[in-house]
C-alpha atoms as a PDB file:
ATOM      1  CA  UNK A   1     -45.074 -17.320  51.810  1.00  0.00           C
ATOM      2  CA  UNK A   2     -47.804 -17.286  49.186  1.00  0.00           C
ATOM      3  CA  UNK A   3     -49.727 -19.972  51.055  1.00  0.00           C
ATOM      4  CA  UNK A   4     -49.466 -17.975  54.294  1.00  0.00           C
ATOM      5  CA  UNK A   5     -50.719 -14.880  52.507  1.00  0.00           C
ATOM      6  CA  UNK A   6     -53.707 -16.786  51.138  1.00  0.00           C
ATOM      7  CA  UNK A   7     -54.559 -18.257  54.547  1.00  0.00           C
ATOM      8  CA  UNK A   8     -54.557 -14.873  56.275  1.00  0.00           C
ATOM      9  CA  UNK A   9     -56.546 -13.236  53.471  1.00  0.00           C
ATOM     10  CA  UNK A  10     -59.182 -15.967  53.755  1.00  0.00           C
ATOM     11  CA  UNK A  11     -59.194 -15.558  57.538  1.00  0.00           C
ATOM     12  CA  UNK A  12     -59.814 -11.819  57.164  1.00  0.00           C
ATOM     13  CA  UNK A  13     -62.793 -12.497  54.880  1.00  0.00           C
ATOM     14  CA  UNK A  14     -64.133 -15.116  57.289  1.00  0.00           C
ATOM     15  CA  UNK A  15     -63.804 -12.709  60.220  1.00  0.00           C
ATOM     16  CA  UNK A  16     -65.726 -10.089  58.258  1.00  0.00           C
ATOM     17  CA  UNK A  17     -68.655 -12.449  57.760  1.00  0.00           C
ATOM     18  CA  UNK A  18     -68.633 -13.620  61.377  1.00  0.00           C
ATOM     19  CA  UNK A  19     -68.501 -10.006  62.565  1.00  0.00           C
ATOM     20  CA  UNK A  20     -71.627  -9.155  60.572  1.00  0.00           C
ATOM     21  CA  UNK A  21     -73.542 -12.055  62.105  1.00  0.00           C
ATOM     22  CA  UNK A  22     -72.457 -11.337  65.691  1.00  0.00           C
ATOM     23  CA  UNK A  23     -73.126  -7.604  65.547  1.00  0.00           C
ATOM     24  CA  UNK A  24     -76.514  -8.071  63.865  1.00  0.00           C
ATOM     25  CA  UNK A  25     -77.572 -10.656  66.431  1.00  0.00           C
ATOM     26  CA  UNK A  26     -76.516  -8.528  69.410  1.00  0.00           C
ATOM     27  CA  UNK A  27     -78.153  -5.374  68.074  1.00  0.00           C
ATOM     28  CA  UNK A  28     -81.375  -7.279  67.432  1.00  0.00           C
ATOM     29  CA  UNK A  29     -81.401  -8.843  70.891  1.00  0.00           C
ATOM     30  CA  UNK A  30     -80.744  -5.503  72.566  1.00  0.00           C
ATOM     31  CA  UNK A  31     -83.412  -3.781  70.502  1.00  0.00           C
ATOM     32  CA  UNK A  32     -86.304  -6.207  70.854  1.00  0.00           C
ATOM     33  CA  UNK A  33     -85.755  -7.928  74.225  1.00  0.00           C
ATOM     34  CA  UNK A  34     -87.895  -6.411  76.973  1.00  0.00           C
ATOM     35  CA  UNK A  35     -86.259  -4.935  80.048  1.00  0.00           C
ATOM     36  CA  UNK A  36     -82.847  -4.087  78.629  1.00  0.00           C
ATOM     37  CA  UNK A  37     -81.028  -1.220  80.268  1.00  0.00           C
ATOM     38  CA  UNK A  38     -78.625  -0.662  77.357  1.00  0.00           C
ATOM     39  CA  UNK A  39     -79.570   0.951  74.038  1.00  0.00           C
ATOM     40  CA  UNK A  40     -79.471  -1.237  70.929  1.00  0.00           C
ATOM     41  CA  UNK A  41     -76.389   0.422  69.438  1.00  0.00           C
ATOM     42  CA  UNK A  42     -74.231  -0.952  72.268  1.00  0.00           C
ATOM     43  CA  UNK A  43     -74.271  -4.150  70.195  1.00  0.00           C
ATOM     44  CA  UNK A  44     -72.018  -2.362  67.718  1.00  0.00           C
ATOM     45  CA  UNK A  45     -69.198  -2.488  70.265  1.00  0.00           C
ATOM     46  CA  UNK A  46     -68.903  -6.224  69.606  1.00  0.00           C
ATOM     47  CA  UNK A  47     -67.469  -5.336  66.188  1.00  0.00           C
ATOM     48  CA  UNK A  48     -64.357  -3.655  67.599  1.00  0.00           C
ATOM     49  CA  UNK A  49     -62.339  -6.830  68.330  1.00  0.00           C
ATOM     50  CA  UNK A  50     -63.308  -8.261  64.965  1.00  0.00           C
ATOM     51  CA  UNK A  51     -62.158  -5.082  63.226  1.00  0.00           C
ATOM     52  CA  UNK A  52     -58.792  -5.267  64.965  1.00  0.00           C
ATOM     53  CA  UNK A  53     -58.445  -8.913  63.916  1.00  0.00           C
ATOM     54  CA  UNK A  54     -59.391  -8.140  60.313  1.00  0.00           C
ATOM     55  CA  UNK A  55     -56.805  -5.357  60.126  1.00  0.00           C
ATOM     56  CA  UNK A  56     -54.125  -7.579  61.678  1.00  0.00           C
ATOM     57  CA  UNK A  57     -54.856 -10.444  59.259  1.00  0.00           C
ATOM     58  CA  UNK A  58     -54.806  -8.073  56.299  1.00  0.00           C
ATOM     59  CA  UNK A  59     -51.445  -6.629  57.340  1.00  0.00           C
ATOM     60  CA  UNK A  60     -49.933 -10.095  57.802  1.00  0.00           C
ATOM     61  CA  UNK A  61     -51.302 -11.202  54.425  1.00  0.00           C
ATOM     62  CA  UNK A  62     -49.856  -8.122  52.735  1.00  0.00           C
ATOM     63  CA  UNK A  63     -46.432  -8.548  54.344  1.00  0.00           C
ATOM     64  CA  UNK A  64     -46.331 -12.264  53.503  1.00  0.00           C
ATOM     65  CA  UNK A  65     -47.250 -11.510  49.902  1.00  0.00           C
ATOM     66  CA  UNK A  66     -44.513  -8.899  49.565  1.00  0.00           C
ATOM     67  CA  UNK A  67     -41.878 -11.209  51.072  1.00  0.00           C
ATOM     68  CA  UNK A  68     -42.949 -14.027  48.785  1.00  0.00           C
ATOM     69  CA  UNK A  69     -42.252 -12.028  45.631  1.00  0.00           C
END
């Protein structure tokens, strides 16, 4: 169970970094590309699925750690 906990904790950290890159890229594209009909902060909506995944991975890591003890 300790190995499973470590894998999901690392996955949560990896998802955090990927989320930052994706949201930054989408906000930048929406802000500086000509002719967009959406405001730049719509790019922040791309962070919602990542946030759900990060929370799920953290919960699984926590539960696996507690069961491993």
